[in-house]
């Protein structure tokens, strides 16, 4: 079944946070959400993708093989999304300065 791209940038940010910190609790704290919220959103993303992203049995938790294949692209998507925000910000600054 083909994905409908039914996921959010926030979910991708949660994946990157868990990847970087190796712990769902620490990632939740860094993202200013509860651990249950973060876990639920990552679980929804995994269901959407049809893969498990993290091996939760290991401490620190690590990416699965599928997660390893996706993490670079997830980081690229977030980088590009931030560029959009930066472009919007600079456009608004230009407009207020009369450019």
N, C-alpha and C. Protein backbone atom coordinates (compact mmCIF):
# COMPACT_ATOMS: atom_id res chain seq x y z
N UNK A 1 0.85 -1.19 0.00
CA UNK A 1 0.00 0.00 0.00
C UNK A 1 0.89 1.25 0.00
N UNK A 2 0.58 2.17 -0.86
CA UNK A 2 1.38 3.38 -1.00
C UNK A 2 1.06 4.39 0.10
N UNK A 3 2.11 4.97 0.66
CA UNK A 3 1.95 5.99 1.71
C UNK A 3 1.32 7.24 1.11
N UNK A 4 0.52 7.92 1.93
CA UNK A 4 -0.11 9.16 1.50
C UNK A 4 0.66 10.37 2.03
N UNK A 5 1.90 10.15 2.44
CA UNK A 5 2.71 11.22 3.02
C UNK A 5 1.98 11.85 4.20
N UNK A 6 1.44 10.99 5.02
CA UNK A 6 0.63 11.43 6.14
C UNK A 6 1.47 11.49 7.42
N UNK A 7 2.52 12.32 7.38
CA UNK A 7 3.37 12.48 8.55
C UNK A 7 3.79 13.94 8.67
N UNK A 8 4.30 14.29 9.84
CA UNK A 8 4.64 15.70 10.08
C UNK A 8 6.14 15.90 10.26
N UNK A 9 6.54 17.13 10.08
CA UNK A 9 7.93 17.49 10.35
C UNK A 9 8.25 17.29 11.83
N UNK A 10 7.29 17.51 12.68
CA UNK A 10 7.49 17.32 14.12
C UNK A 10 7.83 15.86 14.41
N UNK A 11 7.14 14.94 13.78
CA UNK A 11 7.46 13.53 13.96
C UNK A 11 8.90 13.25 13.52
N UNK A 12 9.31 13.84 12.42
CA UNK A 12 10.69 13.65 11.95
C UNK A 12 11.69 14.25 12.93
N UNK A 13 11.35 15.39 13.52
CA UNK A 13 12.21 16.00 14.53
C UNK A 13 12.37 15.08 15.74
N UNK A 14 11.29 14.42 16.12
CA UNK A 14 11.35 13.48 17.25
C UNK A 14 12.29 12.32 16.94
N UNK A 15 12.23 11.81 15.72
CA UNK A 15 13.11 10.71 15.32
C UNK A 15 14.57 11.15 15.42
N UNK A 16 14.88 12.31 14.92
CA UNK A 16 16.26 12.81 14.96
C UNK A 16 16.70 13.01 16.41
N UNK A 17 15.83 13.51 17.25
CA UNK A 17 16.18 13.72 18.67
C UNK A 17 16.50 12.39 19.35
N UNK A 18 15.68 11.37 19.12
CA UNK A 18 15.95 10.05 19.72
C UNK A 18 17.25 9.49 19.15
N UNK A 19 17.45 9.65 17.87
CA UNK A 19 18.68 9.18 17.24
C UNK A 19 19.91 9.84 17.86
N UNK A 20 19.86 11.14 18.03
CA UNK A 20 21.01 11.87 18.58
C UNK A 20 21.24 11.58 20.05
N UNK A 21 20.16 11.45 20.83
CA UNK A 21 20.28 11.30 22.27
C UNK A 21 20.26 9.85 22.74
N UNK A 22 19.78 8.94 21.88
CA UNK A 22 19.77 7.53 22.21
C UNK A 22 18.80 7.12 23.30
N UNK A 23 17.85 8.00 23.60
CA UNK A 23 16.94 7.74 24.72
C UNK A 23 15.64 8.51 24.49
N UNK A 24 14.52 7.81 24.61
CA UNK A 24 13.23 8.46 24.37
C UNK A 24 12.94 9.54 25.42
N UNK A 25 13.28 9.28 26.67
CA UNK A 25 13.02 10.26 27.73
C UNK A 25 13.81 11.54 27.53
N UNK A 26 15.10 11.40 27.22
CA UNK A 26 15.95 12.58 26.99
C UNK A 26 15.50 13.35 25.75
N UNK A 27 15.10 12.60 24.72
CA UNK A 27 14.61 13.25 23.49
C UNK A 27 13.33 14.02 23.77
N UNK A 28 12.44 13.42 24.55
CA UNK A 28 11.18 14.10 24.89
C UNK A 28 11.46 15.39 25.64
N UNK A 29 12.38 15.32 26.59
CA UNK A 29 12.75 16.52 27.36
C UNK A 29 13.32 17.60 26.43
N UNK A 30 14.18 17.20 25.52
CA UNK A 30 14.79 18.15 24.58
C UNK A 30 13.75 18.76 23.63
N UNK A 31 12.71 18.00 23.34
CA UNK A 31 11.65 18.47 22.43
C UNK A 31 10.51 19.15 23.17
N UNK A 32 10.61 19.20 24.50
CA UNK A 32 9.60 19.86 25.35
C UNK A 32 8.22 19.21 25.23
N UNK A 33 8.22 17.87 25.19
CA UNK A 33 6.98 17.11 25.20
C UNK A 33 7.13 15.96 26.19
N UNK A 34 6.02 15.31 26.50
CA UNK A 34 6.11 14.15 27.37
C UNK A 34 6.68 12.97 26.59
N UNK A 35 7.24 12.02 27.33
CA UNK A 35 7.79 10.84 26.67
C UNK A 35 6.69 10.06 25.95
N UNK A 36 5.50 10.02 26.55
CA UNK A 36 4.41 9.28 25.91
C UNK A 36 4.00 9.94 24.60
N UNK A 37 4.00 11.26 24.55
CA UNK A 37 3.67 11.98 23.31
C UNK A 37 4.70 11.67 22.23
N UNK A 38 5.97 11.78 22.58
CA UNK A 38 7.04 11.51 21.63
C UNK A 38 6.97 10.07 21.14
N UNK A 39 6.82 9.13 22.06
CA UNK A 39 6.76 7.71 21.69
C UNK A 39 5.57 7.43 20.78
N UNK A 40 4.42 8.00 21.11
CA UNK A 40 3.21 7.79 20.32
C UNK A 40 3.40 8.34 18.90
N UNK A 41 3.99 9.51 18.78
CA UNK A 41 4.18 10.12 17.47
C UNK A 41 5.18 9.33 16.63
N UNK A 42 6.23 8.82 17.25
CA UNK A 42 7.18 7.99 16.50
C UNK A 42 6.52 6.68 16.09
N UNK A 43 5.71 6.11 16.98
CA UNK A 43 5.00 4.89 16.65
C UNK A 43 4.05 5.10 15.47
N UNK A 44 3.34 6.24 15.45
CA UNK A 44 2.45 6.57 14.32
C UNK A 44 3.25 6.68 13.02
N UNK A 45 4.43 7.31 13.12
CA UNK A 45 5.28 7.45 11.94
C UNK A 45 5.74 6.08 11.45
N UNK A 46 6.12 5.22 12.37
CA UNK A 46 6.54 3.87 12.00
C UNK A 46 5.39 3.12 11.32
N UNK A 47 4.18 3.29 11.82
CA UNK A 47 3.02 2.66 11.19
C UNK A 47 2.80 3.21 9.79
N UNK A 48 2.95 4.52 9.64
CA UNK A 48 2.79 5.15 8.32
C UNK A 48 3.83 4.61 7.34
N UNK A 49 5.08 4.49 7.80
CA UNK A 49 6.16 4.02 6.93
C UNK A 49 6.13 2.50 6.76
N UNK A 50 5.51 1.80 7.71
CA UNK A 50 5.49 0.34 7.67
C UNK A 50 6.80 -0.29 8.09
N UNK A 51 7.59 0.44 8.89
CA UNK A 51 8.88 -0.08 9.39
C UNK A 51 9.08 0.34 10.84
N UNK A 52 9.93 -0.40 11.54
CA UNK A 52 10.34 -0.01 12.87
C UNK A 52 11.64 0.77 12.74
N UNK A 53 11.69 1.97 13.31
CA UNK A 53 12.86 2.83 13.16
C UNK A 53 13.92 2.59 14.25
N UNK A 54 13.47 2.21 15.45
CA UNK A 54 14.40 2.05 16.57
C UNK A 54 14.31 0.68 17.19
N UNK A 55 15.46 0.16 17.61
CA UNK A 55 15.50 -1.04 18.42
C UNK A 55 15.41 -0.57 19.86
N UNK A 56 14.22 -0.68 20.42
CA UNK A 56 13.97 -0.17 21.76
C UNK A 56 14.50 -1.08 22.85
N UNK A 57 14.95 -2.28 22.49
CA UNK A 57 15.46 -3.22 23.50
C UNK A 57 16.89 -2.88 23.91
N UNK A 58 17.57 -2.09 23.12
CA UNK A 58 18.95 -1.72 23.42
C UNK A 58 19.01 -0.41 24.17
N UNK A 59 20.02 -0.28 25.03
CA UNK A 59 20.27 0.97 25.76
C UNK A 59 21.69 1.40 25.45
N UNK A 60 21.93 2.53 24.82
CA UNK A 60 20.92 3.44 24.29
C UNK A 60 20.19 2.80 23.11
N UNK A 61 18.96 3.26 22.86
CA UNK A 61 18.23 2.71 21.73
C UNK A 61 18.92 3.17 20.44
N UNK A 62 18.92 2.30 19.47
CA UNK A 62 19.61 2.60 18.21
C UNK A 62 18.66 2.39 17.05
N UNK A 63 19.04 2.96 15.92
CA UNK A 63 18.24 2.79 14.71
C UNK A 63 18.30 1.34 14.25
N UNK A 64 17.19 0.87 13.72
CA UNK A 64 17.17 -0.42 13.05
C UNK A 64 17.82 -0.24 11.68
N UNK A 65 17.92 -1.32 10.93
CA UNK A 65 18.46 -1.22 9.58
C UNK A 65 17.59 -0.27 8.74
N UNK A 66 16.28 -0.37 8.89
CA UNK A 66 15.37 0.54 8.16
C UNK A 66 15.58 1.98 8.61
N UNK A 67 15.74 2.18 9.91
CA UNK A 67 15.99 3.52 10.44
C UNK A 67 17.28 4.10 9.89
N UNK A 68 18.31 3.26 9.81
CA UNK A 68 19.60 3.72 9.27
C UNK A 68 19.44 4.18 7.82
N UNK A 69 18.61 3.46 7.07
CA UNK A 69 18.39 3.82 5.66
C UNK A 69 17.65 5.15 5.53
N UNK A 70 16.82 5.48 6.51
CA UNK A 70 15.97 6.67 6.42
C UNK A 70 16.52 7.91 7.11
N UNK A 71 17.40 7.77 8.08
CA UNK A 71 17.78 8.91 8.93
C UNK A 71 18.42 10.05 8.14
N UNK A 72 19.26 9.73 7.18
CA UNK A 72 19.90 10.81 6.40
C UNK A 72 18.85 11.61 5.62
N UNK A 73 17.89 10.91 5.04
CA UNK A 73 16.84 11.61 4.29
C UNK A 73 15.95 12.42 5.22
N UNK A 74 15.66 11.89 6.40
CA UNK A 74 14.87 12.62 7.40
C UNK A 74 15.59 13.91 7.78
N UNK A 75 16.90 13.82 8.00
CA UNK A 75 17.68 15.01 8.35
C UNK A 75 17.69 16.02 7.19
N UNK A 76 17.76 15.53 5.98
CA UNK A 76 17.73 16.41 4.80
C UNK A 76 16.39 17.13 4.70
N UNK A 77 15.31 16.41 4.93
CA UNK A 77 13.97 17.02 4.88
C UNK A 77 13.88 18.15 5.90
N UNK A 78 14.35 17.89 7.12
CA UNK A 78 14.29 18.92 8.16
C UNK A 78 15.19 20.11 7.82
N UNK A 79 16.35 19.85 7.26
CA UNK A 79 17.25 20.93 6.84
C UNK A 79 16.58 21.81 5.79
N UNK A 80 15.96 21.17 4.81
CA UNK A 80 15.29 21.91 3.74
C UNK A 80 14.09 22.69 4.28
N UNK A 81 13.36 22.10 5.22
CA UNK A 81 12.21 22.80 5.82
C UNK A 81 12.69 24.04 6.57
N UNK A 82 13.82 23.93 7.26
CA UNK A 82 14.37 25.10 7.98
C UNK A 82 14.80 26.18 6.99
N UNK A 83 15.28 25.79 5.82
CA UNK A 83 15.66 26.77 4.80
C UNK A 83 14.42 27.55 4.34
N UNK A 84 13.29 26.88 4.24
CA UNK A 84 12.05 27.56 3.87
C UNK A 84 11.71 28.61 4.92
N UNK A 85 11.79 28.24 6.18
CA UNK A 85 11.51 29.18 7.27
C UNK A 85 12.48 30.37 7.20
N UNK A 86 13.75 30.09 6.96
CA UNK A 86 14.74 31.16 6.84
C UNK A 86 14.43 32.09 5.67
N UNK A 87 14.03 31.51 4.54
CA UNK A 87 13.68 32.32 3.37
C UNK A 87 12.48 33.20 3.65
N UNK A 88 11.49 32.66 4.33
CA UNK A 88 10.30 33.44 4.68
C UNK A 88 10.71 34.58 5.60
N UNK A 89 11.55 34.27 6.58
CA UNK A 89 12.01 35.31 7.51
C UNK A 89 12.78 36.41 6.82
N UNK A 90 13.65 36.03 5.88
CA UNK A 90 14.42 37.07 5.18
C UNK A 90 13.54 37.86 4.23
N UNK A 91 12.51 37.22 3.66
CA UNK A 91 11.57 37.94 2.78
C UNK A 91 10.78 38.97 3.58
N UNK A 92 10.39 38.59 4.79
CA UNK A 92 9.64 39.53 5.63
C UNK A 92 10.53 40.67 6.08
N UNK A 93 11.79 40.39 6.35
CA UNK A 93 12.72 41.45 6.73
C UNK A 93 12.94 42.40 5.56
N UNK A 94 13.10 41.85 4.36
CA UNK A 94 13.27 42.68 3.17
C UNK A 94 12.05 43.57 2.94
N UNK A 95 10.86 43.02 3.14
CA UNK A 95 9.63 43.77 2.92
C UNK A 95 9.50 44.92 3.91
N UNK A 96 9.91 44.71 5.16
CA UNK A 96 9.81 45.78 6.16
C UNK A 96 10.88 46.84 5.94
N UNK A 97 11.94 46.47 5.21
CA UNK A 97 13.00 47.45 4.94
C UNK A 97 12.81 48.13 3.58
N UNK A 98 11.71 47.78 2.91
CA UNK A 98 11.38 48.44 1.65
C UNK A 98 12.11 47.94 0.44
N UNK A 99 12.68 46.74 0.50
CA UNK A 99 13.40 46.19 -0.65
C UNK A 99 12.48 45.58 -1.66
